[in-house]
All heavy atoms as atom14 arrays in JSON, in Angstrom:
{
  "sequence": "RVHIENLAKYGRLLGNIFLLYEDYVDVMDIKEMLHRLRKEHLPLL",
  "atom14_mask": [
    [1, 1, 1, 1, 1, 1, 1, 1, 1, 1, 1, 0, 0, 0],
    [1, 1, 1, 1, 1, 1, 1, 0, 0, 0, 0, 0, 0, 0],
    [1, 1, 1, 1, 1, 1, 1, 1, 1, 1, 0, 0, 0, 0],
    [1, 1, 1, 1, 1, 1, 1, 1, 0, 0, 0, 0, 0, 0],
    [1, 1, 1, 1, 1, 1, 1, 1, 1, 0, 0, 0, 0, 0],
    [1, 1, 1, 1, 1, 1, 1, 1, 0, 0, 0, 0, 0, 0],
    [1, 1, 1, 1, 1, 1, 1, 1, 0, 0, 0, 0, 0, 0],
    [1, 1, 1, 1, 1, 0, 0, 0, 0, 0, 0, 0, 0, 0],
    [1, 1, 1, 1, 1, 1, 1, 1, 1, 0, 0, 0, 0, 0],
    [1, 1, 1, 1, 1, 1, 1, 1, 1, 1, 1, 1, 0, 0],
    [1, 1, 1, 1, 0, 0, 0, 0, 0, 0, 0, 0, 0, 0],
    [1, 1, 1, 1, 1, 1, 1, 1, 1, 1, 1, 0, 0, 0],
    [1, 1, 1, 1, 1, 1, 1, 1, 0, 0, 0, 0, 0, 0],
    [1, 1, 1, 1, 1, 1, 1, 1, 0, 0, 0, 0, 0, 0],
    [1, 1, 1, 1, 0, 0, 0, 0, 0, 0, 0, 0, 0, 0],
    [1, 1, 1, 1, 1, 1, 1, 1, 0, 0, 0, 0, 0, 0],
    [1, 1, 1, 1, 1, 1, 1, 1, 0, 0, 0, 0, 0, 0],
    [1, 1, 1, 1, 1, 1, 1, 1, 1, 1, 1, 0, 0, 0],
    [1, 1, 1, 1, 1, 1, 1, 1, 0, 0, 0, 0, 0, 0],
    [1, 1, 1, 1, 1, 1, 1, 1, 0, 0, 0, 0, 0, 0],
    [1, 1, 1, 1, 1, 1, 1, 1, 1, 1, 1, 1, 0, 0],
    [1, 1, 1, 1, 1, 1, 1, 1, 1, 0, 0, 0, 0, 0],
    [1, 1, 1, 1, 1, 1, 1, 1, 0, 0, 0, 0, 0, 0],
    [1, 1, 1, 1, 1, 1, 1, 1, 1, 1, 1, 1, 0, 0],
    [1, 1, 1, 1, 1, 1, 1, 0, 0, 0, 0, 0, 0, 0],
    [1, 1, 1, 1, 1, 1, 1, 1, 0, 0, 0, 0, 0, 0],
    [1, 1, 1, 1, 1, 1, 1, 0, 0, 0, 0, 0, 0, 0],
    [1, 1, 1, 1, 1, 1, 1, 1, 0, 0, 0, 0, 0, 0],
    [1, 1, 1, 1, 1, 1, 1, 1, 0, 0, 0, 0, 0, 0],
    [1, 1, 1, 1, 1, 1, 1, 1, 0, 0, 0, 0, 0, 0],
    [1, 1, 1, 1, 1, 1, 1, 1, 1, 0, 0, 0, 0, 0],
    [1, 1, 1, 1, 1, 1, 1, 1, 1, 0, 0, 0, 0, 0],
    [1, 1, 1, 1, 1, 1, 1, 1, 0, 0, 0, 0, 0, 0],
    [1, 1, 1, 1, 1, 1, 1, 1, 0, 0, 0, 0, 0, 0],
    [1, 1, 1, 1, 1, 1, 1, 1, 1, 1, 0, 0, 0, 0],
    [1, 1, 1, 1, 1, 1, 1, 1, 1, 1, 1, 0, 0, 0],
    [1, 1, 1, 1, 1, 1, 1, 1, 0, 0, 0, 0, 0, 0],
    [1, 1, 1, 1, 1, 1, 1, 1, 1, 1, 1, 0, 0, 0],
    [1, 1, 1, 1, 1, 1, 1, 1, 1, 0, 0, 0, 0, 0],
    [1, 1, 1, 1, 1, 1, 1, 1, 1, 0, 0, 0, 0, 0],
    [1, 1, 1, 1, 1, 1, 1, 1, 1, 1, 0, 0, 0, 0],
    [1, 1, 1, 1, 1, 1, 1, 1, 0, 0, 0, 0, 0, 0],
    [1, 1, 1, 1, 1, 1, 1, 0, 0, 0, 0, 0, 0, 0],
    [1, 1, 1, 1, 1, 1, 1, 1, 0, 0, 0, 0, 0, 0],
    [1, 1, 1, 1, 1, 1, 1, 1, 0, 0, 0, 0, 0, 0]
  ],
  "atom14_positions": [
    [[-18.76, -12.02, 18.27], [-18.51, -12.16, 16.83], [-18.53, -10.84, 16.14], [-17.73, -10.52, 15.26], [-19.52, -13.12, 16.24], [-19.55, -13.22, 14.73], [-18.26, -13.75, 14.13], [-17.7, -14.89, 14.87], [-16.48, -15.33, 14.76], [-15.67, -14.77, 13.96], [-16.12, -16.35, 15.45], [0.0, 0.0, 0.0], [0.0, 0.0, 0.0], [0.0, 0.0, 0.0]],
    [[-19.47, -9.92, 16.49], [-19.64, -8.63, 15.81], [-18.38, -7.81, 15.96], [-17.92, -7.16, 15.01], [-20.89, -7.92, 16.32], [-20.7, -7.53, 17.78], [-21.14, -6.61, 15.49], [0.0, 0.0, 0.0], [0.0, 0.0, 0.0], [0.0, 0.0, 0.0], [0.0, 0.0, 0.0], [0.0, 0.0, 0.0], [0.0, 0.0, 0.0], [0.0, 0.0, 0.0]],
    [[-17.71, -7.86, 17.1], [-16.53, -7.1, 17.28], [-15.3, -7.72, 16.54], [-14.46, -6.99, 16.02], [-16.19, -6.96, 18.81], [-17.2, -6.18, 19.54], [-17.47, -4.88, 19.26], [-17.97, -6.53, 20.6], [-18.4, -4.4, 20.06], [-18.73, -5.38, 20.9], [0.0, 0.0, 0.0], [0.0, 0.0, 0.0], [0.0, 0.0, 0.0], [0.0, 0.0, 0.0]],
    [[-15.29, -8.97, 16.47], [-14.2, -9.7, 15.72], [-14.29, -9.3, 14.29], [-13.29, -8.93, 13.63], [-14.32, -11.23, 15.87], [-14.01, -11.69, 17.35], [-13.37, -11.95, 14.86], [-14.26, -13.12, 17.63], [0.0, 0.0, 0.0], [0.0, 0.0, 0.0], [0.0, 0.0, 0.0], [0.0, 0.0, 0.0], [0.0, 0.0, 0.0], [0.0, 0.0, 0.0]],
    [[-15.48, -9.32, 13.71], [-15.69, -8.95, 12.27], [-15.43, -7.5, 12.06], [-14.88, -7.03, 11.05], [-17.09, -9.37, 11.86], [-17.34, -10.88, 11.85], [-16.26, -11.66, 11.12], [-15.75, -11.17, 9.98], [-15.91, -12.77, 11.5], [0.0, 0.0, 0.0], [0.0, 0.0, 0.0], [0.0, 0.0, 0.0], [0.0, 0.0, 0.0], [0.0, 0.0, 0.0]],
    [[-15.81, -6.7, 13.04], [-15.56, -5.25, 12.94], [-14.14, -4.91, 12.88], [-13.68, -4.06, 12.04], [-16.26, -4.58, 14.2], [-16.78, -3.14, 13.88], [-17.3, -2.9, 12.78], [-16.62, -2.3, 14.8], [0.0, 0.0, 0.0], [0.0, 0.0, 0.0], [0.0, 0.0, 0.0], [0.0, 0.0, 0.0], [0.0, 0.0, 0.0], [0.0, 0.0, 0.0]],
    [[-13.36, -5.48, 13.77], [-11.93, -5.19, 13.82], [-11.21, -5.83, 12.67], [-10.16, -5.34, 12.21], [-11.31, -5.61, 15.2], [-11.76, -4.69, 16.36], [-11.39, -5.22, 17.67], [-11.12, -3.26, 16.1], [0.0, 0.0, 0.0], [0.0, 0.0, 0.0], [0.0, 0.0, 0.0], [0.0, 0.0, 0.0], [0.0, 0.0, 0.0], [0.0, 0.0, 0.0]],
    [[-11.74, -6.93, 12.1], [-11.15, -7.49, 10.89], [-11.27, -6.53, 9.76], [-10.32, -6.26, 8.98], [-11.83, -8.8, 10.56], [0.0, 0.0, 0.0], [0.0, 0.0, 0.0], [0.0, 0.0, 0.0], [0.0, 0.0, 0.0], [0.0, 0.0, 0.0], [0.0, 0.0, 0.0], [0.0, 0.0, 0.0], [0.0, 0.0, 0.0], [0.0, 0.0, 0.0]],
    [[-12.44, -5.84, 9.62], [-12.67, -4.85, 8.58], [-11.76, -3.67, 8.79], [-11.19, -3.11, 7.84], [-14.12, -4.37, 8.61], [-15.16, -5.44, 8.14], [-16.57, -4.87, 8.29], [-17.6, -5.96, 7.97], [-18.99, -5.48, 8.21], [0.0, 0.0, 0.0], [0.0, 0.0, 0.0], [0.0, 0.0, 0.0], [0.0, 0.0, 0.0], [0.0, 0.0, 0.0]],
    [[-11.6, -3.31, 10.07], [-10.67, -2.23, 10.39], [-9.21, -2.56, 9.94], [-8.55, -1.77, 9.3], [-10.7, -1.97, 11.88], [-9.42, -1.34, 12.43], [-9.23, 0.05, 12.23], [-8.44, -2.03, 13.11], [-8.05, 0.68, 12.74], [-7.28, -1.39, 13.63], [-7.12, -0.1, 13.43], [-6.0, 0.56, 13.85], [0.0, 0.0, 0.0], [0.0, 0.0, 0.0]],
    [[-8.82, -3.83, 10.14], [-7.5, -4.27, 9.74], [-7.32, -4.21, 8.25], [-6.26, -3.86, 7.73], [0.0, 0.0, 0.0], [0.0, 0.0, 0.0], [0.0, 0.0, 0.0], [0.0, 0.0, 0.0], [0.0, 0.0, 0.0], [0.0, 0.0, 0.0], [0.0, 0.0, 0.0], [0.0, 0.0, 0.0], [0.0, 0.0, 0.0], [0.0, 0.0, 0.0]],
    [[-8.32, -4.65, 7.52], [-8.29, -4.61, 6.12], [-8.08, -3.18, 5.52], [-7.27, -2.9, 4.71], [-9.56, -5.22, 5.49], [-9.64, -5.26, 3.95], [-8.7, -6.32, 3.32], [-9.15, -7.64, 3.63], [-8.79, -8.74, 2.92], [-8.03, -8.58, 1.89], [-9.25, -9.93, 3.31], [0.0, 0.0, 0.0], [0.0, 0.0, 0.0], [0.0, 0.0, 0.0]],
    [[-8.89, -2.21, 6.1], [-8.74, -0.8, 5.7], [-7.35, -0.31, 6.04], [-6.73, 0.42, 5.28], [-9.82, -0.01, 6.38], [-11.25, -0.22, 5.95], [-12.26, 0.42, 6.91], [-11.51, 0.21, 4.55], [0.0, 0.0, 0.0], [0.0, 0.0, 0.0], [0.0, 0.0, 0.0], [0.0, 0.0, 0.0], [0.0, 0.0, 0.0], [0.0, 0.0, 0.0]],
    [[-6.88, -0.63, 7.24], [-5.57, -0.17, 7.65], [-4.47, -0.75, 6.72], [-3.54, -0.07, 6.37], [-5.26, -0.66, 9.12], [-4.03, -0.09, 9.76], [-4.01, 1.43, 9.9], [-3.83, -0.8, 11.13], [0.0, 0.0, 0.0], [0.0, 0.0, 0.0], [0.0, 0.0, 0.0], [0.0, 0.0, 0.0], [0.0, 0.0, 0.0], [0.0, 0.0, 0.0]],
    [[-4.63, -1.99, 6.38], [-3.67, -2.61, 5.42], [-3.62, -1.88, 4.08], [-2.56, -1.7, 3.45], [0.0, 0.0, 0.0], [0.0, 0.0, 0.0], [0.0, 0.0, 0.0], [0.0, 0.0, 0.0], [0.0, 0.0, 0.0], [0.0, 0.0, 0.0], [0.0, 0.0, 0.0], [0.0, 0.0, 0.0], [0.0, 0.0, 0.0], [0.0, 0.0, 0.0]],
    [[-4.79, -1.44, 3.58], [-4.85, -0.71, 2.38], [-4.02, 0.6, 2.51], [-3.31, 0.98, 1.61], [-6.31, -0.34, 2.04], [-7.06, -1.41, 1.27], [-6.99, -1.4, 0.05], [-7.66, -2.33, 1.93], [0.0, 0.0, 0.0], [0.0, 0.0, 0.0], [0.0, 0.0, 0.0], [0.0, 0.0, 0.0], [0.0, 0.0, 0.0], [0.0, 0.0, 0.0]],
    [[-4.21, 1.21, 3.66], [-3.48, 2.51, 3.91], [-1.95, 2.24, 3.96], [-1.17, 2.98, 3.32], [-3.96, 3.17, 5.25], [-5.37, 3.74, 4.96], [-2.96, 4.26, 5.68], [-6.01, 4.25, 6.26], [0.0, 0.0, 0.0], [0.0, 0.0, 0.0], [0.0, 0.0, 0.0], [0.0, 0.0, 0.0], [0.0, 0.0, 0.0], [0.0, 0.0, 0.0]],
    [[-1.51, 1.16, 4.65], [-0.11, 0.84, 4.71], [0.5, 0.68, 3.31], [1.53, 1.23, 3.03], [0.07, -0.46, 5.49], [-0.06, -0.34, 6.96], [-0.04, -1.55, 7.72], [-0.2, 0.83, 7.62], [-0.3, -1.5, 9.11], [-0.39, 0.89, 8.97], [-0.39, -0.24, 9.76], [0.0, 0.0, 0.0], [0.0, 0.0, 0.0], [0.0, 0.0, 0.0]],
    [[-0.2, -0.09, 2.49], [0.26, -0.43, 1.16], [0.32, 0.79, 0.21], [1.21, 0.94, -0.55], [-0.57, -1.52, 0.57], [-0.39, -2.9, 1.21], [-1.52, -3.83, 0.87], [0.93, -3.57, 0.76], [0.0, 0.0, 0.0], [0.0, 0.0, 0.0], [0.0, 0.0, 0.0], [0.0, 0.0, 0.0], [0.0, 0.0, 0.0], [0.0, 0.0, 0.0]],
    [[-0.74, 1.65, 0.31], [-0.73, 2.84, -0.55], [0.33, 3.84, -0.1], [0.84, 4.56, -0.9], [-2.13, 3.52, -0.45], [-3.2, 2.74, -1.26], [-4.56, 3.36, -1.09], [-2.9, 2.67, -2.71], [0.0, 0.0, 0.0], [0.0, 0.0, 0.0], [0.0, 0.0, 0.0], [0.0, 0.0, 0.0], [0.0, 0.0, 0.0], [0.0, 0.0, 0.0]],
    [[0.64, 3.81, 1.2], [1.69, 4.7, 1.72], [3.04, 4.27, 1.09], [3.91, 5.05, 0.78], [1.77, 4.72, 3.22], [2.84, 5.65, 3.77], [2.64, 6.99, 3.76], [4.07, 5.09, 4.24], [3.68, 7.87, 4.17], [5.03, 5.97, 4.79], [4.84, 7.31, 4.7], [5.8, 8.16, 5.15], [0.0, 0.0, 0.0], [0.0, 0.0, 0.0]],
    [[3.23, 2.91, 1.01], [4.46, 2.39, 0.37], [4.54, 2.88, -1.1], [5.68, 3.18, -1.59], [4.46, 0.83, 0.38], [4.67, 0.26, 1.78], [4.7, -1.25, 1.73], [4.73, -1.84, 0.67], [4.59, -1.85, 2.82], [0.0, 0.0, 0.0], [0.0, 0.0, 0.0], [0.0, 0.0, 0.0], [0.0, 0.0, 0.0], [0.0, 0.0, 0.0]],
    [[3.42, 2.99, -1.72], [3.39, 3.52, -3.12], [3.97, 4.94, -3.1], [4.79, 5.35, -3.98], [1.99, 3.57, -3.65], [1.6, 2.39, -4.4], [2.28, 1.36, -4.33], [0.56, 2.41, -5.12], [0.0, 0.0, 0.0], [0.0, 0.0, 0.0], [0.0, 0.0, 0.0], [0.0, 0.0, 0.0], [0.0, 0.0, 0.0], [0.0, 0.0, 0.0]],
    [[3.46, 5.78, -2.21], [3.97, 7.15, -2.07], [5.45, 7.21, -1.8], [6.17, 8.0, -2.47], [3.18, 7.84, -0.98], [3.76, 9.18, -0.54], [3.56, 10.33, -1.31], [4.44, 9.33, 0.64], [4.14, 11.56, -0.94], [4.99, 10.57, 1.03], [4.79, 11.68, 0.22], [5.32, 12.86, 0.64], [0.0, 0.0, 0.0], [0.0, 0.0, 0.0]],
    [[5.92, 6.39, -0.88], [7.36, 6.39, -0.58], [8.22, 6.02, -1.73], [9.23, 6.62, -2.03], [7.61, 5.46, 0.65], [9.14, 5.25, 0.86], [6.92, 5.98, 1.9], [0.0, 0.0, 0.0], [0.0, 0.0, 0.0], [0.0, 0.0, 0.0], [0.0, 0.0, 0.0], [0.0, 0.0, 0.0], [0.0, 0.0, 0.0], [0.0, 0.0, 0.0]],
    [[7.73, 5.01, -2.49], [8.46, 4.58, -3.65], [8.49, 5.71, -4.75], [9.48, 5.83, -5.47], [7.78, 3.32, -4.3], [8.11, 2.1, -3.51], [8.94, 2.18, -2.59], [7.37, 1.04, -3.76], [0.0, 0.0, 0.0], [0.0, 0.0, 0.0], [0.0, 0.0, 0.0], [0.0, 0.0, 0.0], [0.0, 0.0, 0.0], [0.0, 0.0, 0.0]],
    [[7.44, 6.48, -4.91], [7.45, 7.6, -5.91], [8.44, 8.65, -5.45], [9.08, 9.29, -6.32], [6.07, 8.15, -6.07], [6.09, 9.49, -6.77], [5.17, 7.15, -6.87], [0.0, 0.0, 0.0], [0.0, 0.0, 0.0], [0.0, 0.0, 0.0], [0.0, 0.0, 0.0], [0.0, 0.0, 0.0], [0.0, 0.0, 0.0], [0.0, 0.0, 0.0]],
    [[8.57, 8.88, -4.19], [9.46, 9.93, -3.71], [10.89, 9.54, -3.78], [11.84, 10.4, -3.57], [9.05, 10.3, -2.22], [7.67, 10.85, -2.08], [7.27, 12.21, -3.2], [8.25, 13.51, -2.46], [0.0, 0.0, 0.0], [0.0, 0.0, 0.0], [0.0, 0.0, 0.0], [0.0, 0.0, 0.0], [0.0, 0.0, 0.0], [0.0, 0.0, 0.0]],
    [[11.19, 8.25, -4.0], [12.51, 7.74, -4.17], [12.71, 7.42, -5.64], [12.15, 6.43, -6.08], [12.72, 6.55, -3.23], [14.15, 6.05, -3.25], [14.77, 6.07, -4.3], [14.63, 5.55, -2.18], [0.0, 0.0, 0.0], [0.0, 0.0, 0.0], [0.0, 0.0, 0.0], [0.0, 0.0, 0.0], [0.0, 0.0, 0.0], [0.0, 0.0, 0.0]],
    [[13.48, 8.14, -6.37], [13.62, 7.93, -7.84], [14.14, 6.5, -8.15], [13.66, 5.8, -9.07], [14.59, 8.95, -8.45], [13.81, 10.31, -8.58], [15.06, 8.52, -9.81], [14.64, 11.37, -9.16], [0.0, 0.0, 0.0], [0.0, 0.0, 0.0], [0.0, 0.0, 0.0], [0.0, 0.0, 0.0], [0.0, 0.0, 0.0], [0.0, 0.0, 0.0]],
    [[15.08, 5.94, -7.38], [15.57, 4.6, -7.63], [14.47, 3.53, -7.43], [14.37, 2.6, -8.22], [16.76, 4.29, -6.74], [18.05, 5.03, -7.11], [19.21, 4.59, -6.24], [20.46, 5.26, -6.64], [21.61, 4.88, -5.81], [0.0, 0.0, 0.0], [0.0, 0.0, 0.0], [0.0, 0.0, 0.0], [0.0, 0.0, 0.0], [0.0, 0.0, 0.0]],
    [[13.67, 3.72, -6.4], [12.59, 2.76, -6.18], [11.53, 2.92, -7.22], [10.96, 1.93, -7.65], [11.95, 3.05, -4.72], [12.82, 2.68, -3.6], [13.12, 1.2, -3.54], [12.21, 0.38, -3.91], [14.17, 0.77, -3.06], [0.0, 0.0, 0.0], [0.0, 0.0, 0.0], [0.0, 0.0, 0.0], [0.0, 0.0, 0.0], [0.0, 0.0, 0.0]],
    [[11.24, 4.14, -7.66], [10.25, 4.32, -8.68], [10.72, 3.65, -10.06], [9.88, 3.01, -10.71], [9.96, 5.78, -8.94], [8.84, 6.1, -9.92], [8.37, 7.81, -9.99], [9.74, 8.46, -10.94], [0.0, 0.0, 0.0], [0.0, 0.0, 0.0], [0.0, 0.0, 0.0], [0.0, 0.0, 0.0], [0.0, 0.0, 0.0], [0.0, 0.0, 0.0]],
    [[11.98, 3.79, -10.35], [12.5, 3.12, -11.57], [12.36, 1.61, -11.46], [11.99, 0.92, -12.42], [13.95, 3.54, -11.77], [14.61, 2.91, -13.01], [13.85, 3.4, -14.31], [16.1, 3.31, -13.06], [0.0, 0.0, 0.0], [0.0, 0.0, 0.0], [0.0, 0.0, 0.0], [0.0, 0.0, 0.0], [0.0, 0.0, 0.0], [0.0, 0.0, 0.0]],
    [[12.62, 1.09, -10.25], [12.56, -0.37, -10.05], [11.1, -0.81, -10.21], [10.8, -1.86, -10.85], [13.02, -0.78, -8.68], [12.93, -2.25, -8.41], [13.89, -3.14, -8.82], [11.97, -2.96, -7.84], [13.55, -4.36, -8.42], [12.37, -4.24, -7.83], [0.0, 0.0, 0.0], [0.0, 0.0, 0.0], [0.0, 0.0, 0.0], [0.0, 0.0, 0.0]],
    [[10.17, -0.04, -9.73], [8.75, -0.36, -9.89], [8.38, -0.43, -11.41], [7.63, -1.21, -11.81], [7.88, 0.74, -9.15], [7.91, 0.66, -7.65], [7.05, -0.48, -7.1], [5.67, -0.38, -7.36], [4.82, 0.16, -6.49], [5.21, 0.65, -5.33], [3.54, 0.2, -6.81], [0.0, 0.0, 0.0], [0.0, 0.0, 0.0], [0.0, 0.0, 0.0]],
    [[8.86, 0.58, -12.14], [8.56, 0.64, -13.56], [9.11, -0.59, -14.3], [8.47, -1.12, -15.24], [9.17, 1.89, -14.22], [8.62, 3.25, -13.71], [9.35, 4.34, -14.42], [7.14, 3.37, -13.95], [0.0, 0.0, 0.0], [0.0, 0.0, 0.0], [0.0, 0.0, 0.0], [0.0, 0.0, 0.0], [0.0, 0.0, 0.0], [0.0, 0.0, 0.0]],
    [[10.29, -1.09, -13.91], [10.96, -2.17, -14.59], [10.54, -3.57, -14.11], [10.54, -4.52, -14.93], [12.42, -1.93, -14.57], [12.91, -0.73, -15.36], [14.4, -0.53, -15.21], [14.87, 0.46, -16.19], [16.11, 0.84, -16.27], [17.04, 0.33, -15.5], [16.45, 1.75, -17.12], [0.0, 0.0, 0.0], [0.0, 0.0, 0.0], [0.0, 0.0, 0.0]],
    [[10.4, -3.65, -12.85], [10.23, -5.06, -12.28], [8.86, -5.35, -11.61], [8.57, -6.48, -11.41], [11.34, -5.27, -11.17], [12.75, -5.08, -11.66], [13.17, -6.19, -12.66], [14.65, -6.07, -13.01], [15.07, -7.11, -13.95], [0.0, 0.0, 0.0], [0.0, 0.0, 0.0], [0.0, 0.0, 0.0], [0.0, 0.0, 0.0], [0.0, 0.0, 0.0]],
    [[8.09, -4.27, -11.33], [6.87, -4.46, -10.64], [5.71, -3.79, -11.4], [5.77, -3.7, -12.59], [7.0, -3.98, -9.17], [8.09, -4.56, -8.38], [8.2, -3.94, -6.99], [7.14, -4.0, -6.29], [9.28, -3.48, -6.63], [0.0, 0.0, 0.0], [0.0, 0.0, 0.0], [0.0, 0.0, 0.0], [0.0, 0.0, 0.0], [0.0, 0.0, 0.0]],
    [[4.72, -3.34, -10.63], [3.6, -2.63, -11.32], [3.71, -1.17, -10.91], [4.35, -0.83, -9.96], [2.22, -3.2, -10.92], [2.03, -3.21, -9.4], [1.71, -2.1, -8.73], [2.11, -4.21, -8.51], [1.51, -2.39, -7.46], [1.83, -3.62, -7.3], [0.0, 0.0, 0.0], [0.0, 0.0, 0.0], [0.0, 0.0, 0.0], [0.0, 0.0, 0.0]],
    [[3.02, -0.38, -11.65], [3.03, 1.11, -11.38], [2.45, 1.45, -10.08], [1.49, 0.84, -9.66], [2.26, 1.86, -12.51], [2.71, 1.72, -13.93], [1.82, 2.63, -14.85], [4.15, 2.04, -14.12], [0.0, 0.0, 0.0], [0.0, 0.0, 0.0], [0.0, 0.0, 0.0], [0.0, 0.0, 0.0], [0.0, 0.0, 0.0], [0.0, 0.0, 0.0]],
    [[3.01, 2.43, -9.32], [2.34, 2.97, -8.08], [1.11, 3.73, -8.51], [0.93, 4.24, -9.58], [3.39, 3.84, -7.48], [4.35, 4.16, -8.55], [4.28, 3.06, -9.6], [0.0, 0.0, 0.0], [0.0, 0.0, 0.0], [0.0, 0.0, 0.0], [0.0, 0.0, 0.0], [0.0, 0.0, 0.0], [0.0, 0.0, 0.0], [0.0, 0.0, 0.0]],
    [[0.18, 3.83, -7.49], [-1.1, 4.49, -7.78], [-0.93, 5.92, -8.31], [-1.7, 6.3, -9.18], [-1.98, 4.49, -6.48], [-3.38, 5.18, -6.68], [-4.21, 4.41, -7.66], [-4.07, 5.18, -5.27], [0.0, 0.0, 0.0], [0.0, 0.0, 0.0], [0.0, 0.0, 0.0], [0.0, 0.0, 0.0], [0.0, 0.0, 0.0], [0.0, 0.0, 0.0]],
    [[0.0, 6.63, -7.77], [0.13, 8.06, -8.19], [0.47, 8.13, -9.71], [0.07, 9.03, -10.38], [1.28, 8.68, -7.39], [0.9, 9.1, -5.97], [2.15, 9.3, -5.06], [0.0, 10.36, -5.94], [0.0, 0.0, 0.0], [0.0, 0.0, 0.0], [0.0, 0.0, 0.0], [0.0, 0.0, 0.0], [0.0, 0.0, 0.0], [0.0, 0.0, 0.0]]
  ]
}
């Protein structure tokens, strides 16, 4: 059980990184950034 919970926590942290990287990619693409401003929420940057 300890390893299952440990790797679950690892997955959660990794998921955070994946999603924040998408934020970065969207900011580097002007069209994506404009879409975020109009249809979604602001990226972290």
